Amino acid sequence: MTVEELQAMIEAANKINLEIYYYWATAIMILIHAGFLMYEMGASRVKHTLASGTKNVLAFAFMIPTFYMFGWWIYLAMTNGFVPNFEAGAGGVPWGESMGPNLQDNATGVFVGAFTLFACTTASIMSGAVIERIRMAAFIILAVVLGSVVWVLSASWGWHYAGWMVTKWGYHDFGASGVVHMISGFFALGVLINLGPRIGKYNADGSANAIKGHSLPMTVAGLMLIVTGFFGFLGACVIFPGTAVSFAADQWTNIYGGPTTLSAICFNTLMAVAGGIIGCYVKTRDPFWMMSGALCGVISAAAGLDMWNPSLAFAVAFAGGLLGPVAASFIEKMGIDDAVGAVAVHGVCGVWGLLAVGIFMGGYPSPGEGIPVISFYGQFMGMLVMLALGFIPGYVLSLLFKMMGILRASDGVQRAGMDVEVVGTAYPEEVRS
């Protein structure tokens, strides 16, 4: 066998391994949506259960074709800001060669699949916050705008080696504390302000009542599935070595081209899960927040997950576990009814995740030519961009729907239960409440 033949075999094996790796990472990510489905249904009262689940499934389904039609193009074309680069975006048009079943391309389909699942995650994050009172059609439109437009724009700016936030500020967000979680959390906040609270959430004096879901065990199990799915999510954030799409022939890298390893991701993800659970449990002794703490921890550590020392990942996550329930309580006192604490868990802990990288990794070397070193300034400015990019579209679009009278279900429907109006009943009539 000649050297050329051996090299060709190695390249072919690398392509196959690349395809298999992202294929199964994407499959594992679907567990996130199984988890969100259980989580939201368990957090709903019986009369709203099936409507909450249907809403989540439809968001997942609508995201797939819309991301295919224009989401991937946005990611490739919008790295410079709001002015598209049509040449760069040519590979993302749905009629292009790389967007079909091209057997010679072992990368594009599975990459698009992974990014589609990231988009679905953003919609699922918002979905839990608005249960029991949002109209289905309004929710689906909001979900598509969030997942197939707003989130993709943030990823193009800050989750692409040529994104302007990366090349200008050295913005670092390996596991998407900002580009997925902050975007989703603050988009949800904008929607919640216009959507209003559930009936019975607040008393005349402004004090809040606890509205408990019908199945805490279902919610806790769903949260554990989300944590499982995060291993696929975070595994899909690394670039497979030795192929045409990689930055190095023999080294795993982050999405910016900086070196990392799956060992680092494994160590730090596990430590972040544990730190967040323990932090929330110490703060609340509440099983719901104990498992939500796993999300608080991972999201808090996510931006620097590729580079943290495991002990520091644990500490950052533990702080996030303390922060999540405190932020949720503050948001509730502001008169904003976030049914599952999504703004606190994803939005506020996402803020902490970005700033933690600036605090503890300031001065870390650039991963490539044209990218500045990590700095607190860059992370802080990136945080402001993510906050505005998430909040403003969510607020403006939901305000428009509110003015049109299509955002919120009527009081009568809410009292009878969203299931009756939308899909039927999930449980026998005698157990509805």
Protein backbone atom coordinates (compact mmCIF):
# COMPACT_ATOMS: atom_id res chain seq x y z
CA MET A 1 0.00 0.00 0.00
CA THR A 2 1.37 3.39 -0.97
CA VAL A 3 1.57 6.39 1.36
CA GLU A 4 -1.04 8.15 -0.77
CA GLU A 5 -3.45 5.24 -0.44
CA LEU A 6 -2.89 5.11 3.32
CA GLN A 7 -3.56 8.82 3.64
CA ALA A 8 -6.74 8.45 1.59
CA MET A 9 -7.93 5.68 3.89
CA ILE A 10 -7.21 7.80 6.97
CA GLU A 11 -9.08 10.75 5.50
CA ALA A 12 -12.05 8.53 4.65
CA ALA A 13 -12.08 7.09 8.17
CA ASN A 14 -11.94 10.59 9.66
CA LYS A 15 -14.92 11.68 7.59
CA ILE A 16 -16.93 8.66 8.65
CA ASN A 17 -16.00 9.17 12.30
CA LEU A 18 -16.93 12.84 12.05
CA GLU A 19 -20.36 11.99 10.69
CA ILE A 20 -20.97 9.32 13.30
CA TYR A 21 -19.81 11.55 16.15
CA TYR A 22 -22.19 14.44 15.42
CA TYR A 23 -24.99 12.10 14.41
CA TRP A 24 -25.04 10.52 17.87
CA ALA A 25 -24.39 13.81 19.65
CA THR A 26 -27.53 15.12 17.93
CA ALA A 27 -29.48 12.01 18.88
CA ILE A 28 -28.52 12.44 22.53
CA MET A 29 -29.58 16.09 22.35
CA ILE A 30 -33.14 14.97 21.61
CA LEU A 31 -33.25 13.78 25.22
CA ILE A 32 -33.24 17.47 26.16
CA HIS A 33 -36.62 17.80 24.49
CA ALA A 34 -37.99 14.63 26.02
CA GLY A 35 -36.89 16.15 29.32
CA PHE A 36 -38.49 19.53 28.65
CA LEU A 37 -41.68 17.73 27.66
CA MET A 38 -41.87 15.88 31.00
CA TYR A 39 -40.65 18.91 32.94
CA GLU A 40 -43.33 21.24 31.60
CA MET A 41 -46.17 18.74 31.81
CA GLY A 42 -45.26 17.94 35.42
CA ALA A 43 -45.05 21.65 36.25
CA SER A 44 -48.54 22.25 34.82
CA ARG A 45 -51.79 21.73 36.69
CA VAL A 46 -53.80 18.73 35.52
CA LYS A 47 -56.18 20.76 33.35
CA HIS A 48 -53.27 22.25 31.38
CA THR A 49 -51.01 19.19 31.10
CA LEU A 50 -51.58 18.00 27.55
CA ALA A 51 -51.65 21.53 26.12
CA SER A 52 -48.24 22.18 27.66
CA GLY A 53 -46.86 19.00 26.14
CA THR A 54 -48.42 19.65 22.73
CA LYS A 55 -46.94 23.14 22.68
CA ASN A 56 -43.48 21.74 23.32
CA VAL A 57 -43.75 19.07 20.63
CA LEU A 58 -45.01 21.56 18.03
CA ALA A 59 -42.17 23.98 18.78
CA PHE A 60 -39.72 21.14 18.13
CA ALA A 61 -41.45 20.21 14.88
CA PHE A 62 -41.75 23.75 13.49
CA MET A 63 -38.12 24.52 14.27
CA ILE A 64 -36.75 21.81 12.01
CA PRO A 65 -38.08 23.01 8.62
CA THR A 66 -37.69 26.71 9.45
CA PHE A 67 -34.08 26.28 10.51
CA TYR A 68 -33.46 24.35 7.31
CA MET A 69 -35.12 27.02 5.17
CA PHE A 70 -33.34 30.08 6.58
CA GLY A 71 -31.66 29.43 9.94
CA TRP A 72 -28.44 27.90 8.64
CA TRP A 73 -28.13 30.66 6.03
CA ILE A 74 -28.36 33.28 8.81
CA TYR A 75 -25.58 31.55 10.73
CA LEU A 76 -23.22 31.52 7.76
CA ALA A 77 -24.12 34.90 6.28
CA MET A 78 -24.51 37.25 9.26
CA THR A 79 -21.14 37.06 11.03
CA ASN A 80 -20.46 40.77 10.37
CA GLY A 81 -23.70 42.00 11.96
CA PHE A 82 -26.97 42.85 10.26
CA VAL A 83 -25.50 43.16 6.74
CA PRO A 84 -25.47 39.74 5.08
CA ASN A 85 -22.46 38.24 3.35
CA PHE A 86 -24.20 36.44 0.48
CA GLU A 87 -21.06 34.64 -0.62
CA ALA A 88 -20.53 33.14 2.82
CA GLY A 89 -24.21 32.28 3.08
CA ALA A 90 -24.32 30.46 -0.24
CA GLY A 91 -23.66 27.14 1.47
CA GLY A 92 -26.75 27.56 3.62
CA VAL A 93 -29.44 28.09 1.00
CA PRO A 94 -31.91 25.16 0.99
CA TRP A 95 -31.50 24.55 -2.75
CA GLY A 96 -27.70 24.31 -2.49
CA GLU A 97 -25.81 21.07 -3.08
CA SER A 98 -24.62 20.80 0.51
CA MET A 99 -28.19 21.04 1.87
CA GLY A 100 -29.35 17.81 0.26
CA PRO A 101 -28.42 14.15 0.70
CA ASN A 102 -24.98 14.64 -0.85
CA LEU A 103 -23.16 11.41 -0.16
CA GLN A 104 -19.78 13.09 -0.67
CA ASP A 105 -20.40 15.55 2.17
CA ASN A 106 -20.03 13.88 5.54
CA ALA A 107 -20.32 17.08 7.56
CA THR A 108 -23.03 19.57 6.59
CA GLY A 109 -26.09 17.45 7.36
CA VAL A 110 -24.98 16.45 10.83
CA PHE A 111 -23.73 19.97 11.60
CA VAL A 112 -27.07 21.43 10.54
CA GLY A 113 -28.77 18.74 12.62
CA ALA A 114 -26.82 19.70 15.73
CA PHE A 115 -27.51 23.41 15.23
CA THR A 116 -31.19 22.65 14.63
CA LEU A 117 -31.32 20.93 17.99
CA PHE A 118 -29.65 23.97 19.58
CA ALA A 119 -32.44 26.05 18.03
CA CYS A 120 -35.08 23.68 19.40
CA THR A 121 -33.54 24.06 22.85
CA THR A 122 -34.03 27.83 22.81
CA ALA A 123 -37.73 27.39 22.05
CA SER A 124 -38.12 24.79 24.79
CA ILE A 125 -36.53 27.14 27.31
CA MET A 126 -39.13 29.81 26.58
CA SER A 127 -41.92 27.23 26.46
CA GLY A 128 -41.83 26.40 30.16
CA ALA A 129 -42.00 30.02 31.27
CA VAL A 130 -45.31 30.70 29.50
CA ILE A 131 -47.33 27.57 30.30
CA GLU A 132 -51.03 27.64 31.18
CA ARG A 133 -52.01 30.88 29.41
CA ILE A 134 -50.34 31.51 26.04
CA ARG A 135 -52.22 30.88 22.80
CA MET A 136 -50.80 28.12 20.66
CA ALA A 137 -50.45 30.04 17.38
CA ALA A 138 -48.75 33.01 19.06
CA PHE A 139 -46.37 30.68 20.87
CA ILE A 140 -45.36 28.84 17.68
CA ILE A 141 -44.57 32.10 15.87
CA LEU A 142 -42.56 33.35 18.85
CA ALA A 143 -40.71 30.03 19.01
CA VAL A 144 -39.78 30.13 15.33
CA VAL A 145 -38.55 33.72 15.59
CA LEU A 146 -36.48 32.86 18.66
CA GLY A 147 -35.04 29.56 17.46
CA SER A 148 -34.63 30.07 13.72
CA VAL A 149 -33.80 33.80 13.65
CA VAL A 150 -32.78 35.48 16.92
CA TRP A 151 -30.72 32.65 18.37
CA VAL A 152 -29.02 31.96 15.03
CA LEU A 153 -28.08 35.62 14.73
CA SER A 154 -26.46 35.53 18.18
CA ALA A 155 -24.60 32.35 17.23
CA SER A 156 -23.34 33.93 14.01
CA TRP A 157 -21.98 36.87 16.00
CA GLY A 158 -20.55 35.07 19.02
CA TRP A 159 -20.36 31.34 18.26
CA HIS A 160 -18.45 31.48 15.00
CA TYR A 161 -14.69 31.97 14.69
CA ALA A 162 -15.35 34.87 12.27
CA GLY A 163 -18.22 36.40 14.27
CA TRP A 164 -17.74 40.13 14.92
CA MET A 165 -18.03 39.76 18.70
CA VAL A 166 -15.25 37.18 18.61
CA THR A 167 -12.90 39.12 16.33
CA LYS A 168 -13.57 42.47 18.04
CA TRP A 169 -13.75 41.56 21.73
CA GLY A 170 -12.40 38.00 22.02
CA TYR A 171 -15.85 36.89 23.21
CA HIS A 172 -15.67 33.35 24.57
CA ASP A 173 -18.78 31.24 25.08
CA PHE A 174 -17.89 27.60 24.50
CA GLY A 175 -21.05 25.99 25.93
CA ALA A 176 -23.47 28.81 25.03
CA SER A 177 -24.13 30.54 28.36
CA GLY A 178 -24.94 33.61 26.28
CA VAL A 179 -25.76 32.53 22.74
CA VAL A 180 -28.35 29.93 23.79
CA HIS A 181 -29.28 30.48 27.42
CA MET A 182 -29.18 34.25 27.83
CA ILE A 183 -30.90 34.75 24.48
CA SER A 184 -33.71 32.36 25.45
CA GLY A 185 -34.06 33.58 29.03
CA PHE A 186 -34.34 37.26 28.14
CA PHE A 187 -36.53 36.61 25.09
CA ALA A 188 -38.85 34.79 27.51
CA LEU A 189 -38.71 37.77 29.89
CA GLY A 190 -39.86 40.10 27.12
CA VAL A 191 -42.79 37.77 26.35
CA LEU A 192 -43.74 37.34 30.02
CA ILE A 193 -44.03 41.08 30.59
CA ASN A 194 -46.72 41.30 27.91
CA LEU A 195 -48.31 37.91 28.55
CA GLY A 196 -49.08 38.63 32.21
CA PRO A 197 -49.40 36.21 35.13
CA ARG A 198 -51.60 33.17 35.43
CA ILE A 199 -55.00 33.72 37.02
CA GLY A 200 -54.61 33.51 40.79
CA LYS A 201 -50.85 34.00 40.85
CA TYR A 202 -50.97 37.39 42.58
CA ASN A 203 -53.21 38.81 45.30
CA ALA A 204 -54.64 42.32 45.38
CA ASP A 205 -51.73 43.49 47.56
CA GLY A 206 -49.20 42.20 45.03
CA SER A 207 -48.10 39.18 47.05
CA ALA A 208 -47.55 35.98 45.10
CA ASN A 209 -49.21 32.60 45.54
CA ALA A 210 -47.45 29.34 44.80
CA ILE A 211 -49.07 27.53 41.87
CA LYS A 212 -47.76 24.00 42.00
CA GLY A 213 -47.71 21.57 39.13
CA HIS A 214 -49.56 18.29 39.37
CA SER A 215 -46.51 15.99 39.31
CA LEU A 216 -43.24 17.01 40.90
CA PRO A 217 -41.75 13.53 40.26
CA MET A 218 -42.43 13.97 36.52
CA THR A 219 -40.78 17.38 36.61
CA VAL A 220 -37.70 16.11 38.46
CA ALA A 221 -37.34 13.15 36.08
CA GLY A 222 -37.66 15.52 33.12
CA LEU A 223 -34.93 17.73 34.50
CA MET A 224 -32.64 14.71 34.83
CA LEU A 225 -33.29 13.86 31.17
CA ILE A 226 -32.33 17.42 30.23
CA VAL A 227 -29.06 16.97 32.13
CA THR A 228 -28.43 13.74 30.19
CA GLY A 229 -29.12 15.53 26.93
CA PHE A 230 -26.63 18.23 27.87
CA PHE A 231 -23.81 15.74 27.33
CA GLY A 232 -24.85 15.54 23.69
CA PHE A 233 -25.32 19.31 23.54
CA LEU A 234 -21.87 20.06 24.95
CA GLY A 235 -20.23 17.25 23.00
CA ALA A 236 -21.57 18.87 19.82
CA CYS A 237 -19.81 22.13 20.80
CA VAL A 238 -16.38 20.67 19.99
CA ILE A 239 -14.82 20.37 16.55
CA PHE A 240 -13.78 16.89 15.47
CA PRO A 241 -10.05 16.72 14.55
CA GLY A 242 -8.44 15.77 11.30
CA THR A 243 -11.15 16.67 8.77
CA ALA A 244 -11.87 19.47 6.35
CA VAL A 245 -14.02 21.28 8.92
CA SER A 246 -11.51 21.06 11.79
CA PHE A 247 -8.94 23.64 12.87
CA ALA A 248 -6.20 21.10 13.62
CA ALA A 249 -5.18 17.74 12.21
CA ASP A 250 -4.77 15.99 15.56
CA GLN A 251 -6.52 18.11 18.18
CA TRP A 252 -10.08 18.62 19.35
CA THR A 253 -10.86 22.35 19.39
CA ASN A 254 -13.63 24.65 20.54
CA ILE A 255 -15.75 26.45 17.97
CA TYR A 256 -13.20 29.32 17.88
CA GLY A 257 -10.27 27.04 17.03
CA GLY A 258 -8.77 26.91 20.54
CA PRO A 259 -7.62 23.54 21.90
CA THR A 260 -9.79 21.47 24.20
CA THR A 261 -10.48 17.80 24.90
CA LEU A 262 -13.49 15.62 25.59
CA SER A 263 -11.86 14.82 28.92
CA ALA A 264 -12.09 18.48 29.89
CA ILE A 265 -15.74 18.59 28.86
CA CYS A 266 -16.53 15.43 30.82
CA PHE A 267 -14.75 16.51 34.01
CA ASN A 268 -16.23 19.97 34.01
CA THR A 269 -19.78 19.02 33.01
CA LEU A 270 -20.00 16.51 35.84
CA MET A 271 -18.55 19.00 38.34
CA ALA A 272 -20.93 21.71 37.14
CA VAL A 273 -23.98 19.45 37.49
CA ALA A 274 -22.97 18.53 41.03
CA GLY A 275 -22.06 22.09 42.03
CA GLY A 276 -25.38 23.47 40.82
CA ILE A 277 -27.45 20.77 42.53
CA ILE A 278 -25.64 21.23 45.84
CA GLY A 279 -25.86 25.03 45.64
CA CYS A 280 -29.60 25.01 45.02
CA TYR A 281 -30.21 22.35 47.66
CA VAL A 282 -28.24 24.32 50.25
CA LYS A 283 -30.28 27.41 49.41
CA THR A 284 -33.79 25.93 49.17
CA ARG A 285 -34.07 22.28 50.31
CA ASP A 286 -36.61 22.09 47.47
CA PRO A 287 -36.56 19.04 45.12
CA PHE A 288 -37.67 21.19 42.18
CA TRP A 289 -34.81 23.64 42.69
CA MET A 290 -32.40 20.82 43.53
CA MET A 291 -32.77 19.46 40.00
CA SER A 292 -33.13 22.91 38.42
CA GLY A 293 -29.82 23.54 40.13
CA ALA A 294 -28.19 21.08 37.74
CA LEU A 295 -29.19 23.42 34.91
CA CYS A 296 -28.07 26.47 36.91
CA GLY A 297 -24.69 24.85 37.39
CA VAL A 298 -24.10 23.74 33.81
CA ILE A 299 -25.26 27.09 32.39
CA SER A 300 -23.07 29.01 34.85
CA ALA A 301 -19.98 27.00 33.89
CA ALA A 302 -20.86 26.53 30.21
CA ALA A 303 -19.06 29.53 28.68
CA GLY A 304 -15.70 28.37 30.02
CA LEU A 305 -16.37 24.65 30.18
CA ASP A 306 -13.58 23.91 27.73
CA MET A 307 -10.92 25.52 29.94
CA TRP A 308 -12.00 25.48 33.60
CA ASN A 309 -10.06 23.54 36.16
CA PRO A 310 -12.69 21.09 37.47
CA SER A 311 -12.54 22.58 40.96
CA LEU A 312 -13.22 26.04 39.59
CA ALA A 313 -16.03 24.65 37.41
CA PHE A 314 -17.60 23.29 40.59
CA ALA A 315 -17.23 26.62 42.40
CA VAL A 316 -18.70 28.65 39.52
CA ALA A 317 -21.60 26.17 39.27
CA PHE A 318 -22.17 26.21 43.04
CA ALA A 319 -22.45 30.00 42.91
CA GLY A 320 -24.94 29.62 40.06
CA GLY A 321 -26.92 27.18 42.17
CA LEU A 322 -27.19 29.80 44.92
CA LEU A 323 -28.00 32.54 42.41
CA GLY A 324 -30.81 30.80 40.48
CA PRO A 325 -33.51 30.62 43.19
CA VAL A 326 -32.62 34.08 44.52
CA ALA A 327 -33.08 35.56 41.05
CA ALA A 328 -36.36 33.66 40.59
CA SER A 329 -37.71 35.06 43.84
CA PHE A 330 -36.73 38.59 42.81
CA ILE A 331 -38.40 38.20 39.40
CA GLU A 332 -41.58 36.90 41.07
CA LYS A 333 -41.67 39.91 43.40
CA MET A 334 -41.49 42.17 40.33
CA GLY A 335 -44.89 40.77 39.28
CA ILE A 336 -43.53 38.56 36.50
CA ASP A 337 -44.96 35.05 36.54
CA ASP A 338 -42.28 32.71 35.22
CA ALA A 339 -43.84 29.30 35.82
CA VAL A 340 -40.57 27.33 35.85
CA GLY A 341 -37.91 29.95 36.64
CA ALA A 342 -36.56 30.00 33.07
CA VAL A 343 -35.48 33.64 33.20
CA ALA A 344 -33.49 33.04 36.36
CA VAL A 345 -32.02 29.66 35.40
CA HIS A 346 -31.14 30.44 31.80
CA GLY A 347 -31.01 34.23 31.64
CA VAL A 348 -29.45 35.25 34.97
CA CYS A 349 -27.17 32.21 35.28
CA GLY A 350 -26.17 32.81 31.65
CA VAL A 351 -25.08 36.33 32.63
CA TRP A 352 -23.01 34.89 35.46
CA GLY A 353 -21.49 32.31 33.11
CA LEU A 354 -20.21 34.96 30.69
CA LEU A 355 -18.90 37.25 33.41
CA ALA A 356 -17.20 34.37 35.25
CA VAL A 357 -15.06 33.76 32.16
CA GLY A 358 -14.07 37.44 32.14
CA ILE A 359 -13.25 37.37 35.85
CA PHE A 360 -11.26 34.14 36.02
CA MET A 361 -9.88 33.83 32.46
CA GLY A 362 -8.99 37.41 31.63
CA GLY A 363 -5.78 37.45 29.58
CA TYR A 364 -6.14 33.86 28.38
CA PRO A 365 -4.35 33.58 25.02
CA SER A 366 -6.18 34.05 21.75
CA PRO A 367 -7.21 30.81 20.00
CA GLY A 368 -6.27 32.14 16.59
CA GLU A 369 -5.07 35.00 14.43
CA GLY A 370 -7.36 38.02 14.50
CA ILE A 371 -9.04 37.05 17.80
CA PRO A 372 -8.18 39.17 20.89
CA VAL A 373 -7.38 37.62 24.25
CA ILE A 374 -10.25 36.92 26.63
CA SER A 375 -11.09 39.95 28.79
CA PHE A 376 -13.73 41.03 31.26
CA TYR A 377 -14.54 43.94 28.94
CA GLY A 378 -15.19 41.60 26.02
CA GLN A 379 -17.36 39.27 28.10
CA PHE A 380 -19.28 42.19 29.62
CA MET A 381 -19.94 43.77 26.24
CA GLY A 382 -20.98 40.40 24.86
CA MET A 383 -23.36 39.99 27.80
CA LEU A 384 -25.02 43.33 26.98
CA VAL A 385 -25.45 42.34 23.34
CA MET A 386 -27.01 39.00 24.28
CA LEU A 387 -29.36 40.62 26.77
CA ALA A 388 -30.59 43.19 24.24
CA LEU A 389 -30.75 40.75 21.32
CA GLY A 390 -32.87 38.37 23.37
CA PHE A 391 -35.13 40.81 25.21
CA ILE A 392 -36.01 43.34 22.50
CA PRO A 393 -37.44 40.95 19.86
CA GLY A 394 -39.33 38.97 22.52
CA TYR A 395 -40.86 42.10 24.00
CA VAL A 396 -41.70 43.84 20.71
CA LEU A 397 -43.24 40.82 18.98
CA SER A 398 -45.28 39.77 22.01
CA LEU A 399 -46.45 43.36 22.50
CA LEU A 400 -47.68 43.35 18.90
CA PHE A 401 -49.54 40.09 19.52
CA LYS A 402 -51.01 41.53 22.74
CA MET A 403 -52.29 44.59 20.89
CA MET A 404 -53.86 42.28 18.30
CA GLY A 405 -55.51 40.22 21.06
CA ILE A 406 -53.88 36.94 20.04
CA LEU A 407 -51.22 36.46 22.74
CA ARG A 408 -53.12 35.32 25.81
CA ALA A 409 -55.92 32.79 26.22
CA SER A 410 -59.17 34.12 27.67
CA ASP A 411 -59.85 33.90 31.40
CA GLY A 412 -62.61 31.39 30.71
CA VAL A 413 -60.26 29.09 28.82
CA GLN A 414 -57.62 29.35 31.53
CA ARG A 415 -60.13 28.48 34.26
CA ALA A 416 -61.56 25.55 32.30
CA GLY A 417 -58.09 24.40 31.35
CA MET A 418 -56.04 24.83 28.21
CA ASP A 419 -56.47 21.11 27.48
CA VAL A 420 -60.21 21.46 26.89
CA GLU A 421 -59.76 24.37 24.49
CA VAL A 422 -56.73 23.08 22.62
CA VAL A 423 -56.46 19.29 22.62
CA GLY A 424 -58.89 17.51 24.91
CA THR A 425 -58.04 16.06 28.32
CA ALA A 426 -54.90 14.33 29.53
CA TYR A 427 -56.48 12.74 32.60
CA PRO A 428 -59.98 11.52 33.55
CA GLU A 429 -62.40 14.34 34.35
CA GLU A 430 -62.68 13.43 38.04
CA VAL A 431 -58.99 14.13 38.71
CA ARG A 432 -58.82 17.50 36.90
CA SER A 433 -58.02 20.52 39.06
